[in-house]
Protein backbone atom coordinates (compact mmCIF):
# COMPACT_ATOMS: atom_id res chain seq x y z
CA MET A 1 -9.18 -0.19 -25.94
CA THR A 2 -10.84 3.01 -26.75
CA GLN A 3 -8.84 6.03 -26.26
CA SER A 4 -11.49 7.89 -24.20
CA THR A 5 -11.42 5.16 -21.25
CA ILE A 6 -7.61 5.25 -20.85
CA LYS A 7 -6.01 7.15 -18.05
CA ALA A 8 -2.58 7.17 -16.96
CA TYR A 9 -0.81 7.96 -13.55
CA ARG A 10 2.91 9.00 -13.14
CA ALA A 11 4.97 8.67 -10.04
CA ALA A 12 7.13 6.34 -8.31
CA ILE A 13 5.39 2.94 -8.32
CA LEU A 14 5.82 0.00 -6.12
CA ASP A 15 4.19 -3.33 -5.68
CA SER A 16 4.72 -6.93 -4.20
CA LEU A 17 5.43 -9.91 -6.45
CA GLY A 18 5.49 -12.40 -3.52
CA ASP A 19 6.42 -13.25 0.01
CA PRO A 20 9.96 -11.97 0.96
CA ALA A 21 10.15 -14.93 3.43
CA GLU A 22 9.94 -17.24 0.38
CA LEU A 23 11.29 -15.28 -2.48
CA GLY A 24 14.02 -13.13 -0.59
CA ILE A 25 13.92 -9.32 -0.35
CA PRO A 26 15.32 -8.44 -3.89
CA GLU A 27 12.84 -10.82 -5.86
CA SER A 28 9.77 -9.92 -3.76
CA TYR A 29 8.74 -6.46 -5.19
CA ARG A 30 8.70 -4.48 -8.40
CA TYR A 31 9.67 -0.54 -8.55
CA PHE A 32 9.71 2.16 -10.81
CA GLU A 33 11.40 5.41 -9.73
CA ASP A 34 9.50 7.24 -12.58
CA GLY A 35 6.60 4.71 -13.27
CA LEU A 36 3.46 4.93 -15.29
CA LEU A 37 0.24 3.19 -14.35
CA VAL A 38 -2.22 2.83 -17.41
CA VAL A 39 -5.73 2.24 -16.57
CA ASP A 40 -8.54 1.23 -19.02
CA ASN A 41 -12.04 0.67 -18.03
CA GLY A 42 -11.43 0.06 -14.46
CA GLN A 43 -8.43 -2.41 -14.93
CA ILE A 44 -4.80 -1.92 -15.26
CA SER A 45 -3.71 -2.18 -18.82
CA ALA A 46 0.01 -1.36 -18.51
CA LEU A 47 2.75 -0.64 -15.71
CA GLY A 48 6.25 0.18 -16.55
CA ASN A 49 8.82 2.98 -16.85
CA ALA A 50 7.06 6.24 -17.74
CA THR A 51 9.50 7.03 -20.59
CA ASP A 52 9.04 3.80 -22.18
CA LEU A 53 5.06 3.56 -21.98
CA LEU A 54 4.37 7.13 -22.84
CA LYS A 55 5.91 6.66 -26.40
CA ASP A 56 3.15 4.16 -27.16
CA LEU A 57 0.35 5.96 -25.80
CA PRO A 58 -1.70 8.59 -27.83
CA ALA A 59 -0.48 12.05 -27.08
CA ASP A 60 -3.77 13.56 -25.88
CA ILE A 61 -4.13 10.75 -23.25
CA ASP A 62 -5.12 12.00 -19.72
CA VAL A 63 -1.77 11.69 -17.60
CA THR A 64 -2.01 12.65 -14.01
CA GLU A 65 1.42 13.30 -12.53
CA TYR A 66 2.14 13.14 -8.73
CA LYS A 67 5.30 14.84 -7.47
CA ASP A 68 7.08 13.32 -4.27
CA ALA A 69 4.65 10.56 -4.15
CA LEU A 70 4.40 6.81 -4.29
CA ILE A 71 1.64 4.73 -5.96
CA THR A 72 1.11 1.23 -4.27
CA PRO A 73 -1.86 -1.20 -4.61
CA GLY A 74 -4.81 -0.37 -2.41
CA PHE A 75 -4.48 -1.57 1.25
CA ILE A 76 -6.14 -4.82 2.32
CA ASP A 77 -7.70 -5.25 5.90
CA THR A 78 -8.44 -8.96 6.56
CA HIS A 79 -10.20 -8.24 9.85
CA ILE A 80 -12.34 -5.35 11.03
CA HIS A 81 -15.70 -4.72 12.64
CA TYR A 82 -17.78 -1.89 11.04
CA PRO A 83 -20.25 -1.58 13.87
CA GLN A 84 -17.56 -0.94 16.21
CA THR A 85 -16.70 2.38 14.46
CA GLY A 86 -18.29 4.37 17.13
CA MET A 87 -16.67 2.80 20.10
CA ILE A 88 -13.05 2.84 19.06
CA ALA A 89 -10.80 3.94 21.84
CA SER A 90 -12.98 2.42 24.69
CA TYR A 91 -10.84 2.57 27.83
CA GLY A 92 -9.53 -0.10 30.05
CA GLU A 93 -10.49 -3.80 29.45
CA GLN A 94 -9.32 -6.92 28.29
CA LEU A 95 -11.15 -9.02 25.57
CA LEU A 96 -14.18 -10.81 27.48
CA ASP A 97 -15.03 -7.78 29.52
CA TRP A 98 -14.51 -5.40 26.76
CA LEU A 99 -17.17 -7.24 24.74
CA GLU A 100 -19.63 -7.16 27.61
CA ASN A 101 -19.15 -3.56 28.50
CA TYR A 102 -18.68 -1.75 24.95
CA THR A 103 -19.19 -4.04 21.96
CA PHE A 104 -22.50 -5.38 22.75
CA PRO A 105 -24.24 -2.16 23.72
CA ALA A 106 -22.82 -0.71 20.60
CA GLU A 107 -23.83 -3.55 18.43
CA HIS A 108 -27.52 -3.51 19.69
CA LYS A 109 -28.11 -0.12 17.91
CA PHE A 110 -27.89 -1.72 14.59
CA ILE A 111 -31.35 -3.11 14.88
CA ASP A 112 -32.10 0.34 13.27
CA PRO A 113 -31.55 0.23 9.50
CA ALA A 114 -31.09 3.87 9.49
CA HIS A 115 -28.23 3.69 12.01
CA ALA A 116 -26.73 0.95 10.06
CA GLU A 117 -26.78 3.06 6.99
CA GLU A 118 -25.09 5.97 8.51
CA VAL A 119 -22.28 3.97 10.07
CA SER A 120 -21.72 1.98 6.83
CA ASP A 121 -21.21 5.15 5.15
CA ILE A 122 -18.73 6.72 7.75
CA PHE A 123 -16.90 3.43 8.01
CA LEU A 124 -16.31 3.17 4.28
CA THR A 125 -15.26 6.75 3.98
CA GLU A 126 -12.72 6.23 6.79
CA LEU A 127 -11.23 2.99 5.04
CA LEU A 128 -10.88 4.92 1.92
CA ARG A 129 -9.36 8.05 3.53
CA ASN A 130 -6.83 5.58 4.98
CA GLY A 131 -6.15 3.94 1.41
CA THR A 132 -8.03 0.69 2.22
CA THR A 133 -9.77 -0.53 -0.70
CA THR A 134 -10.77 -3.95 0.33
CA ALA A 135 -11.87 -5.47 3.69
CA LEU A 136 -13.22 -8.63 5.36
CA VAL A 137 -15.82 -7.15 7.61
CA PHE A 138 -17.88 -8.22 10.43
CA GLY A 139 -21.51 -7.15 10.55
CA THR A 140 -23.94 -7.59 13.67
CA VAL A 141 -26.35 -10.37 14.40
CA HIS A 142 -29.04 -8.08 12.48
CA PRO A 143 -29.39 -8.91 8.77
CA GLN A 144 -30.14 -5.29 8.16
CA SER A 145 -26.52 -4.56 9.18
CA VAL A 146 -25.28 -6.60 6.28
CA ASP A 147 -27.79 -5.11 3.79
CA ALA A 148 -26.72 -1.50 4.70
CA PHE A 149 -23.10 -2.34 4.48
CA PHE A 150 -23.37 -4.08 1.02
CA SER A 151 -25.64 -1.26 -0.25
CA CYS A 152 -23.14 1.32 0.65
CA ALA A 153 -20.19 -0.60 -0.85
CA GLU A 154 -22.08 -1.38 -3.89
CA LYS A 155 -22.76 2.24 -4.66
CA ARG A 156 -18.83 2.93 -4.45
CA ASN A 157 -18.09 -0.14 -6.51
CA LEU A 158 -15.76 -1.55 -3.87
CA ARG A 159 -14.44 -5.17 -3.36
CA MET A 160 -15.72 -5.99 0.03
CA ILE A 161 -16.59 -9.06 2.03
CA CYS A 162 -18.98 -8.93 4.95
CA GLY A 163 -21.36 -11.28 6.94
CA LYS A 164 -24.03 -11.53 9.67
CA VAL A 165 -22.70 -12.39 13.02
CA MET A 166 -24.13 -15.96 14.03
CA MET A 167 -24.48 -15.93 17.86
CA ASP A 168 -26.92 -18.18 19.71
CA ARG A 169 -25.52 -18.22 23.29
CA ASN A 170 -23.40 -16.22 25.88
CA ALA A 171 -24.36 -12.77 24.85
CA PRO A 172 -27.40 -10.68 25.39
CA GLU A 173 -30.76 -11.76 24.55
CA THR A 174 -31.09 -8.99 22.26
CA LEU A 175 -28.01 -9.90 20.16
CA THR A 176 -28.74 -13.66 19.77
CA ASP A 177 -30.23 -15.57 17.01
CA THR A 178 -30.72 -19.40 16.96
CA ALA A 179 -28.90 -22.17 15.08
CA GLU A 180 -31.94 -22.06 12.56
CA SER A 181 -32.45 -18.31 12.28
CA GLY A 182 -28.79 -17.73 11.87
CA TYR A 183 -28.97 -20.18 9.01
CA GLU A 184 -31.90 -18.94 7.32
CA GLU A 185 -30.98 -15.13 7.66
CA SER A 186 -27.46 -15.87 6.47
CA LYS A 187 -29.01 -17.86 3.35
CA ALA A 188 -31.07 -15.14 2.48
CA LEU A 189 -28.14 -12.50 2.61
CA ILE A 190 -26.03 -14.80 0.57
CA GLU A 191 -28.46 -15.29 -2.12
CA ARG A 192 -29.14 -11.45 -2.17
CA TRP A 193 -25.39 -10.28 -2.08
CA HIS A 194 -22.85 -12.86 -2.61
CA GLY A 195 -21.14 -12.41 -6.13
CA LYS A 196 -23.31 -9.29 -6.79
CA GLY A 197 -20.70 -6.95 -8.43
CA ARG A 198 -17.59 -6.94 -6.36
CA LEU A 199 -19.17 -8.16 -3.22
CA HIS A 200 -18.60 -11.42 -1.27
CA TYR A 201 -20.39 -13.09 1.70
CA ALA A 202 -18.49 -14.34 4.79
CA VAL A 203 -20.20 -16.92 7.07
CA THR A 204 -19.62 -15.23 10.47
CA PRO A 205 -19.76 -17.09 13.74
CA ARG A 206 -18.51 -14.46 16.12
CA PHE A 207 -16.14 -16.94 17.96
CA ALA A 208 -16.65 -20.55 19.53
CA PRO A 209 -18.05 -19.24 22.94
CA THR A 210 -21.00 -17.44 21.38
CA SER A 211 -22.12 -20.40 19.28
CA THR A 212 -23.66 -23.72 20.21
CA PRO A 213 -22.27 -26.84 18.31
CA GLU A 214 -25.74 -26.77 16.59
CA GLN A 215 -24.92 -23.30 15.12
CA LEU A 216 -21.41 -24.20 14.00
CA THR A 217 -22.74 -27.24 12.21
CA ALA A 218 -25.13 -24.75 10.39
CA ALA A 219 -22.21 -22.62 9.53
CA GLY A 220 -20.43 -25.49 8.13
CA GLN A 221 -23.54 -26.54 6.06
CA LEU A 222 -23.74 -23.14 4.41
CA LEU A 223 -20.00 -23.45 3.32
CA GLN A 224 -21.02 -26.59 1.68
CA GLU A 225 -24.13 -25.19 0.15
CA TYR A 226 -22.63 -22.24 -1.62
CA ASP A 227 -19.33 -21.97 -3.89
CA GLY A 228 -16.84 -19.13 -3.02
CA LEU A 229 -18.27 -18.25 0.62
CA TYR A 230 -15.79 -16.91 3.15
CA MET A 231 -15.65 -18.11 6.70
CA HIS A 232 -14.59 -15.46 9.07
CA THR A 233 -14.25 -15.70 12.86
CA HIS A 234 -11.89 -15.30 15.87
CA LEU A 235 -9.29 -17.79 17.10
CA SER A 236 -6.76 -17.82 20.11
CA GLU A 237 -6.87 -14.25 20.83
CA ASN A 238 -6.75 -14.12 24.69
CA LYS A 239 -5.72 -16.85 27.21
CA ASN A 240 -9.01 -16.56 29.32
CA GLU A 241 -10.88 -17.03 25.90
CA ILE A 242 -8.91 -20.10 25.14
CA GLU A 243 -9.67 -21.50 28.64
CA TRP A 244 -13.41 -20.74 28.23
CA VAL A 245 -13.48 -22.73 24.90
CA LYS A 246 -11.98 -25.79 26.60
CA GLU A 247 -14.95 -25.67 29.16
CA LEU A 248 -17.44 -25.16 26.64
CA PHE A 249 -16.12 -27.99 24.20
CA PRO A 250 -14.38 -30.48 26.56
CA GLU A 251 -14.66 -33.03 23.82
CA GLN A 252 -12.67 -31.19 21.16
CA ASN A 253 -8.79 -31.02 21.17
CA GLY A 254 -8.43 -27.38 21.52
CA TYR A 255 -9.70 -24.18 20.19
CA LEU A 256 -9.04 -24.77 16.37
CA ASP A 257 -10.21 -28.18 16.60
CA VAL A 258 -13.78 -26.89 17.56
CA TYR A 259 -13.93 -25.16 14.08
CA ASP A 260 -12.36 -28.16 12.45
CA HIS A 261 -14.68 -30.44 13.70
CA HIS A 262 -17.64 -28.38 12.27
CA ASN A 263 -15.83 -28.09 8.78
CA LEU A 264 -15.06 -24.45 9.05
CA LEU A 265 -11.46 -24.69 7.87
CA GLY A 266 -10.54 -24.09 4.32
CA GLU A 267 -9.01 -21.70 1.72
CA ARG A 268 -11.36 -18.80 2.30
CA SER A 269 -11.35 -19.32 6.20
CA VAL A 270 -9.77 -16.42 7.87
CA PHE A 271 -9.11 -16.38 11.52
CA ALA A 272 -8.46 -13.18 13.35
CA HIS A 273 -5.46 -13.01 15.83
CA GLY A 274 -4.06 -16.67 16.34
CA VAL A 275 -1.83 -15.38 18.99
CA HIS A 276 -1.59 -18.32 21.20
CA LEU A 277 -1.34 -21.34 18.49
CA CYS A 278 0.36 -24.53 19.16
CA ASP A 279 2.55 -26.24 16.48
CA ASP A 280 -0.21 -28.79 15.67
CA GLU A 281 -2.67 -25.96 15.01
CA CYS A 282 -0.33 -24.11 12.87
CA LYS A 283 0.14 -27.31 10.84
CA ARG A 284 -3.50 -28.00 10.56
CA LEU A 285 -4.14 -24.29 9.36
CA ALA A 286 -1.31 -24.83 6.77
CA GLU A 287 -2.83 -28.14 5.50
CA THR A 288 -6.44 -26.60 5.11
CA ASP A 289 -4.83 -23.39 3.55
CA SER A 290 -6.79 -21.29 6.14
CA ALA A 291 -5.41 -17.81 6.82
CA ILE A 292 -4.65 -15.81 9.85
CA ALA A 293 -5.44 -12.08 10.09
CA PHE A 294 -2.50 -10.40 12.26
CA CYS A 295 -4.10 -7.55 14.25
CA PRO A 296 -1.26 -5.85 16.01
CA THR A 297 -2.88 -2.77 17.30
CA SER A 298 -5.74 -4.66 18.79
CA ASN A 299 -3.44 -7.27 20.33
CA LEU A 300 -1.49 -4.57 22.18
CA PHE A 301 -4.62 -2.47 23.09
CA LEU A 302 -6.27 -5.32 24.71
CA GLY A 303 -3.24 -6.81 26.22
CA SER A 304 -3.88 -10.13 24.36
CA GLY A 305 -0.28 -10.95 23.47
CA LEU A 306 2.38 -10.79 20.67
CA PHE A 307 1.69 -12.72 17.28
CA ASN A 308 4.44 -14.86 16.26
CA LEU A 309 4.78 -14.13 12.57
CA PRO A 310 8.07 -16.11 11.98
CA LYS A 311 6.26 -19.23 13.31
CA MET A 312 3.56 -18.62 10.63
CA GLU A 313 6.02 -18.42 8.06
CA GLN A 314 7.80 -21.67 9.31
CA HIS A 315 4.43 -23.34 8.81
CA LYS A 316 3.85 -21.56 5.41
CA ILE A 317 0.42 -20.26 6.70
CA LYS A 318 -1.26 -17.31 4.69
CA VAL A 319 -1.12 -14.08 6.87
CA GLY A 320 -2.86 -10.75 6.21
CA LEU A 321 -3.12 -7.46 8.31
CA GLY A 322 -6.24 -6.56 10.24
CA THR A 323 -6.80 -3.26 11.95
CA ASP A 324 -9.55 -5.04 14.14
CA VAL A 325 -11.22 -1.61 14.59
CA GLY A 326 -12.94 -1.03 17.26
CA ALA A 327 -10.30 -2.90 19.45
CA GLY A 328 -7.85 -1.70 17.01
CA THR A 329 -7.10 1.99 17.33
CA SER A 330 -6.62 3.07 13.80
CA PHE A 331 -8.06 2.60 10.50
CA SER A 332 -4.75 3.15 9.11
CA ILE A 333 -2.77 0.02 7.60
CA LEU A 334 0.45 2.23 7.91
CA GLN A 335 -0.16 2.72 11.52
CA THR A 336 -1.08 -1.11 11.76
CA ILE A 337 2.35 -1.79 10.17
CA ASN A 338 3.84 0.57 12.70
CA GLU A 339 2.65 -1.52 15.48
CA ALA A 340 3.42 -4.76 13.76
CA TYR A 341 6.91 -3.74 13.70
CA LYS A 342 6.90 -3.18 17.46
CA VAL A 343 5.40 -6.49 18.06
CA MET A 344 8.14 -8.20 16.15
CA GLN A 345 10.88 -6.01 18.02
CA LEU A 346 9.42 -7.23 21.54
CA GLN A 347 10.00 -10.88 20.22
CA GLY A 348 13.80 -10.18 19.06
CA GLU A 349 12.74 -10.20 15.32
CA LYS A 350 12.74 -7.49 12.63
CA LEU A 351 9.91 -6.83 10.18
CA ASN A 352 11.44 -5.73 6.84
CA PRO A 353 9.35 -2.86 5.10
CA PHE A 354 9.14 -5.07 2.01
CA LYS A 355 7.64 -7.69 4.13
CA SER A 356 5.25 -5.01 5.74
CA LEU A 357 4.21 -3.98 1.98
CA TYR A 358 3.41 -7.61 1.18
CA LEU A 359 1.22 -8.08 4.31
CA ALA A 360 -0.55 -4.92 3.40
CA THR A 361 -1.37 -5.70 -0.09
CA LEU A 362 -0.75 -8.73 -1.87
CA GLY A 363 -0.41 -11.09 1.28
CA GLY A 364 -3.77 -9.77 2.29
CA ALA A 365 -5.26 -10.61 -1.07
CA LYS A 366 -3.68 -14.03 -0.92
CA ALA A 367 -5.15 -14.56 2.54
CA LEU A 368 -8.57 -13.69 0.89
CA GLN A 369 -7.99 -15.63 -2.22
CA LEU A 370 -8.38 -12.47 -4.16
CA ASP A 371 -4.71 -11.99 -5.83
CA GLU A 372 -5.98 -12.49 -9.24
CA GLN A 373 -8.18 -9.49 -8.78
CA VAL A 374 -6.27 -7.02 -6.28
CA GLY A 375 -3.15 -6.93 -4.26
CA ASN A 376 -0.58 -5.98 -6.96
CA LEU A 377 -0.44 -3.86 -9.94
CA GLU A 378 -0.18 -6.48 -12.50
CA PRO A 379 -1.81 -5.68 -16.02
CA GLY A 380 -5.16 -7.31 -16.05
CA SER A 381 -5.90 -6.85 -12.25
CA GLU A 382 -8.51 -4.31 -10.96
CA ALA A 383 -7.20 -0.74 -10.66
CA ASP A 384 -7.51 -0.42 -6.83
CA PHE A 385 -4.52 1.69 -5.87
CA VAL A 386 -3.29 4.48 -3.43
CA VAL A 387 -1.09 7.44 -3.95
CA LEU A 388 0.99 8.08 -0.89
CA ASP A 389 2.62 11.70 -0.25
CA TYR A 390 6.22 11.51 0.77
CA ASN A 391 5.54 15.05 2.22
CA SER A 392 2.18 14.60 3.98
CA THR A 393 3.67 16.44 7.22
CA PRO A 394 6.66 18.56 8.00
CA LEU A 395 8.22 15.84 9.90
CA MET A 396 7.68 13.22 7.16
CA GLY A 397 8.99 15.63 4.39
CA TYR A 398 12.17 16.35 6.56
CA ARG A 399 12.79 12.72 7.38
CA MET A 400 12.21 11.56 3.68
CA ALA A 401 15.02 14.11 2.76
CA GLN A 402 17.38 12.21 4.72
CA ALA A 403 16.47 8.80 3.33
CA LYS A 404 19.15 7.22 1.09
CA SER A 405 17.29 4.13 -0.31
CA LEU A 406 13.78 2.93 -1.27
CA GLU A 407 13.82 0.73 1.73
CA GLU A 408 14.50 3.39 4.00
CA ARG A 409 11.80 5.65 2.40
CA LEU A 410 9.43 2.83 2.57
CA PHE A 411 10.05 2.24 6.46
CA VAL A 412 9.80 6.09 7.09
CA MET A 413 6.33 6.04 5.41
CA MET A 414 5.22 2.82 7.39
CA THR A 415 6.48 4.42 10.63
CA LEU A 416 5.35 8.05 10.31
CA GLY A 417 2.57 7.61 7.97
CA ASP A 418 -1.11 7.75 8.87
CA ASP A 419 -4.29 8.93 7.08
CA ARG A 420 -2.43 12.22 6.25
CA ALA A 421 -0.26 10.34 3.85
CA VAL A 422 -2.91 9.21 1.69
CA LYS A 423 -3.13 11.80 -1.01
CA GLU A 424 -5.77 9.80 -3.19
CA THR A 425 -7.38 6.45 -3.34
CA PHE A 426 -8.70 4.72 -6.35
CA ALA A 427 -11.40 1.76 -6.81
CA MET A 428 -11.64 0.25 -10.26
CA GLY A 429 -9.85 3.31 -11.66
CA GLN A 430 -12.26 5.88 -10.29
CA SER A 431 -11.02 8.34 -7.49
CA VAL A 432 -12.91 7.34 -4.27
CA PHE A 433 -11.05 9.73 -2.10
CA LYS A 434 -8.89 12.84 -2.59
CA ARG A 435 -7.19 14.90 0.12
CA ASP A 436 -7.98 18.53 0.03
């Protein structure tokens, strides 16, 4: 490696090595109290104790030191709607009415490419301000919404996944496509963007009620025609939604079976929510290596229910965290973890902070089949990381001074932390957000 491309970052450093539910807590993480992260040409080249690594680096290497800070991998959001940025915190509805009264009117505006470009920039800025470096993202039915998003993400060299919504019924006429047009428009976007730089395409039927069987068949056809595509949709979020699916697809054996029948399950299939899954559905998700996005702030805000994480662990289903903006009320993965802890408490369960770290980073990467690129700080992986400030607020600093262990400091960060805790965010070794 050439000396001019090497940079090093010194602070406490923490990342996940695997799922605590499988490895046990002590074996699930790696921590350096005085650590050094060495980056060369956008990739992590070394990680370890600062005193050990500094001896082998040239004396004039640029070393940035962060006091009272923690470096972790960049956060990964496995379910979020960028067109809903402008309608976050909309009052008083549950899922189906919320879609009708807030979501659809907001998404109609994305027929205008200039609007899509403006919101893409605001959205990505907000993600990075909150330490999120990778996300699985809904566009709208309009192809220009995806073009705008990918163009903005490409300029920032971010690893992002997005797709055009496919929706050919049970929605306003101005927001519907057809089975044929949804297929053709998605195909054109795939060929334009999938695999370009750090970008990936997700085939995106909104959810079963807004797609005909013909459109779901076309979605499955796309997945067969192109390698490495994602499939992104919603599943079992709301009890009324589940009953509606049964009415629309009486020939199928439940909500998940609708997607299964149309060949939409697989290792890159991510289903948002999964709040009301039966054991047979969990078994099938595990068999197909499909993933669930756990969206606690959204589930609480819309009154959808409590996600059963221990049940997913029992079935060995991949799980990541999703903010689900705009039903979710924060772009912050730290705040999402805060709400996830409460969801578990309401079910008589505990969410250990090292499990939360896993869900926010490596677990999300595994759910997206990206754990060889992002999600931890292993040498050879892409240098997407975040610097968290132990003194980001007066209360945070005071509470951290009382903490007696790494586990306690981590829990305090995940309970009191929000966007203010993010000191700096890096993507491919480049600073993409720095707090004033």
